[in-house]
Amino acid sequence: MSPRKLTGWRKSSHSHFEENACVEVGTGPGVVGVRDTKQAGLAARPVLVFSRTAFTAFLDHLTDGR
C-alpha cells in the first residue's frame, strides 16, 4: 500500500514535543503505518507499513511486561 493512502496520523500524548522524538501512526485498509516525527520536512518521508495483525502483535509484545 502506498503511504499516501494512510490517514488519521496521530502521535502519542506521551511524546516529547519539544524534542520531536516520537513516531506517528496512521491507518489504511487492513494496515497500520509508522513514521518518524523528526523527518516531517522530507518530501519522500519513509513509512513502515504493517498488517493490523502484525502491529497488534507488536503492541502486545511491548506491553507484555507492564
N, C-alpha and C. Protein backbone atom coordinates (compact mmCIF):
# COMPACT_ATOMS: atom_id res chain seq x y z
N MET A 1 0.84 -1.19 0.00
CA MET A 1 0.00 0.00 0.00
C MET A 1 0.88 1.24 0.00
N SER A 2 0.47 2.23 -0.75
CA SER A 2 1.19 3.49 -0.78
C SER A 2 0.97 4.24 0.53
N PRO A 3 2.04 4.75 1.15
CA PRO A 3 1.89 5.53 2.39
C PRO A 3 0.98 6.73 2.22
N ARG A 4 0.80 7.20 0.99
CA ARG A 4 -0.08 8.35 0.75
C ARG A 4 -1.54 8.03 1.04
N LYS A 5 -1.89 6.75 1.04
CA LYS A 5 -3.28 6.36 1.29
C LYS A 5 -3.57 6.17 2.77
N LEU A 6 -2.54 6.30 3.61
CA LEU A 6 -2.74 6.20 5.05
C LEU A 6 -3.29 7.52 5.57
N THR A 7 -4.22 7.45 6.50
CA THR A 7 -4.86 8.65 7.03
C THR A 7 -4.89 8.62 8.55
N GLY A 8 -5.37 9.71 9.13
CA GLY A 8 -5.56 9.78 10.58
C GLY A 8 -4.27 9.73 11.37
N TRP A 9 -3.20 10.30 10.84
CA TRP A 9 -1.92 10.26 11.53
C TRP A 9 -2.05 10.89 12.91
N ARG A 10 -1.52 10.20 13.93
CA ARG A 10 -1.58 10.72 15.30
C ARG A 10 -0.32 10.34 16.05
N LYS A 11 -0.06 11.11 17.09
CA LYS A 11 1.13 10.94 17.90
C LYS A 11 0.71 10.71 19.35
N SER A 12 1.48 9.93 20.07
CA SER A 12 1.18 9.63 21.47
C SER A 12 1.18 10.90 22.32
N SER A 13 0.31 10.95 23.30
CA SER A 13 0.30 12.08 24.24
C SER A 13 1.51 12.01 25.17
N HIS A 14 2.23 10.90 25.16
CA HIS A 14 3.43 10.74 25.99
C HIS A 14 4.70 11.19 25.28
N SER A 15 4.58 11.67 24.06
CA SER A 15 5.77 12.07 23.31
C SER A 15 6.31 13.40 23.83
N HIS A 16 7.57 13.65 23.53
CA HIS A 16 8.22 14.89 23.93
C HIS A 16 8.23 15.83 22.74
N PHE A 17 7.21 16.68 22.67
CA PHE A 17 7.03 17.56 21.51
C PHE A 17 8.26 18.43 21.27
N GLU A 18 8.80 19.01 22.35
CA GLU A 18 9.93 19.91 22.18
C GLU A 18 11.18 19.20 21.65
N GLU A 19 11.30 17.91 21.88
CA GLU A 19 12.44 17.15 21.38
C GLU A 19 12.13 16.51 20.03
N ASN A 20 10.89 16.51 19.65
CA ASN A 20 10.45 15.89 18.39
C ASN A 20 10.94 14.45 18.29
N ALA A 21 10.87 13.73 19.42
CA ALA A 21 11.38 12.36 19.49
C ALA A 21 10.22 11.38 19.63
N CYS A 22 9.54 11.16 18.56
CA CYS A 22 8.37 10.29 18.63
C CYS A 22 8.08 9.71 17.25
N VAL A 23 7.12 8.81 17.21
CA VAL A 23 6.63 8.30 15.95
C VAL A 23 5.15 8.62 15.84
N GLU A 24 4.66 8.65 14.63
CA GLU A 24 3.24 8.84 14.36
C GLU A 24 2.70 7.56 13.76
N VAL A 25 1.43 7.32 13.98
CA VAL A 25 0.76 6.13 13.47
C VAL A 25 -0.42 6.57 12.61
N GLY A 26 -0.53 5.99 11.43
CA GLY A 26 -1.65 6.24 10.54
C GLY A 26 -2.24 4.92 10.10
N THR A 27 -3.48 4.95 9.62
CA THR A 27 -4.14 3.70 9.24
C THR A 27 -4.64 3.74 7.80
N GLY A 28 -4.80 2.55 7.26
CA GLY A 28 -5.37 2.36 5.94
C GLY A 28 -6.13 1.04 5.96
N PRO A 29 -6.73 0.64 4.86
CA PRO A 29 -7.49 -0.61 4.82
C PRO A 29 -6.62 -1.82 5.17
N GLY A 30 -6.77 -2.34 6.38
CA GLY A 30 -6.06 -3.53 6.81
C GLY A 30 -4.61 -3.34 7.20
N VAL A 31 -4.14 -2.09 7.22
CA VAL A 31 -2.73 -1.83 7.54
C VAL A 31 -2.58 -0.67 8.52
N VAL A 32 -1.38 -0.62 9.13
CA VAL A 32 -1.00 0.48 10.02
C VAL A 32 0.36 0.98 9.56
N GLY A 33 0.50 2.29 9.44
CA GLY A 33 1.78 2.88 9.06
C GLY A 33 2.42 3.58 10.24
N VAL A 34 3.75 3.56 10.27
CA VAL A 34 4.51 4.21 11.34
C VAL A 34 5.59 5.07 10.69
N ARG A 35 5.70 6.33 11.15
CA ARG A 35 6.73 7.22 10.61
C ARG A 35 7.35 8.04 11.74
N ASP A 36 8.56 8.52 11.50
CA ASP A 36 9.34 9.28 12.48
C ASP A 36 8.97 10.76 12.38
N THR A 37 8.68 11.39 13.52
CA THR A 37 8.32 12.81 13.50
C THR A 37 9.50 13.70 13.15
N LYS A 38 10.72 13.23 13.36
CA LYS A 38 11.90 14.05 13.04
C LYS A 38 12.06 14.25 11.53
N GLN A 39 11.38 13.47 10.74
CA GLN A 39 11.52 13.56 9.29
C GLN A 39 10.34 14.29 8.64
N ALA A 40 9.67 15.11 9.42
CA ALA A 40 8.46 15.78 8.93
C ALA A 40 8.71 16.65 7.70
N GLY A 41 9.90 17.20 7.55
CA GLY A 41 10.18 18.09 6.44
C GLY A 41 10.59 17.40 5.15
N LEU A 42 10.78 16.11 5.17
CA LEU A 42 11.22 15.39 3.97
C LEU A 42 10.09 15.21 2.97
N ALA A 43 10.39 15.42 1.71
CA ALA A 43 9.37 15.25 0.67
C ALA A 43 8.98 13.78 0.54
N ALA A 44 9.96 12.89 0.55
CA ALA A 44 9.70 11.44 0.45
C ALA A 44 9.92 10.82 1.83
N ARG A 45 9.01 11.07 2.72
CA ARG A 45 9.11 10.64 4.11
C ARG A 45 8.94 9.13 4.23
N PRO A 46 9.95 8.42 4.79
CA PRO A 46 9.84 6.96 4.92
C PRO A 46 8.71 6.54 5.87
N VAL A 47 8.00 5.51 5.50
CA VAL A 47 6.91 4.97 6.32
C VAL A 47 7.04 3.45 6.36
N LEU A 48 6.97 2.88 7.56
CA LEU A 48 6.91 1.43 7.70
C LEU A 48 5.44 1.04 7.70
N VAL A 49 5.06 0.06 6.91
CA VAL A 49 3.66 -0.36 6.81
C VAL A 49 3.55 -1.81 7.27
N PHE A 50 2.65 -2.05 8.24
CA PHE A 50 2.43 -3.37 8.82
C PHE A 50 0.97 -3.78 8.65
N SER A 51 0.73 -5.08 8.59
CA SER A 51 -0.67 -5.54 8.64
C SER A 51 -1.19 -5.21 10.04
N ARG A 52 -2.49 -5.10 10.18
CA ARG A 52 -3.06 -4.83 11.51
C ARG A 52 -2.72 -5.94 12.49
N THR A 53 -2.68 -7.18 12.01
CA THR A 53 -2.34 -8.32 12.86
C THR A 53 -0.91 -8.19 13.38
N ALA A 54 0.02 -7.86 12.50
CA ALA A 54 1.43 -7.71 12.90
C ALA A 54 1.60 -6.54 13.87
N PHE A 55 0.90 -5.44 13.62
CA PHE A 55 1.03 -4.28 14.50
C PHE A 55 0.44 -4.58 15.88
N THR A 56 -0.68 -5.29 15.93
CA THR A 56 -1.27 -5.68 17.21
C THR A 56 -0.33 -6.59 17.98
N ALA A 57 0.30 -7.54 17.29
CA ALA A 57 1.27 -8.43 17.94
C ALA A 57 2.46 -7.63 18.48
N PHE A 58 2.91 -6.64 17.74
CA PHE A 58 4.00 -5.78 18.18
C PHE A 58 3.61 -5.03 19.46
N LEU A 59 2.43 -4.43 19.48
CA LEU A 59 1.97 -3.70 20.67
C LEU A 59 1.79 -4.64 21.86
N ASP A 60 1.26 -5.83 21.62
CA ASP A 60 1.12 -6.82 22.69
C ASP A 60 2.48 -7.17 23.29
N HIS A 61 3.46 -7.31 22.44
CA HIS A 61 4.82 -7.63 22.91
C HIS A 61 5.38 -6.48 23.76
N LEU A 62 5.15 -5.24 23.33
CA LEU A 62 5.65 -4.08 24.07
C LEU A 62 5.03 -3.96 25.45
N THR A 63 3.76 -4.30 25.56
CA THR A 63 3.05 -4.12 26.83
C THR A 63 3.04 -5.38 27.69
N ASP A 64 3.70 -6.43 27.25
CA ASP A 64 3.74 -7.70 27.99
C ASP A 64 4.24 -7.56 29.42
N GLY A 65 5.25 -6.76 29.64
CA GLY A 65 5.85 -6.65 30.97
C GLY A 65 5.24 -5.60 31.87
N ARG A 66 4.17 -4.98 31.48
CA ARG A 66 3.59 -3.89 32.29
C ARG A 66 2.65 -4.40 33.32
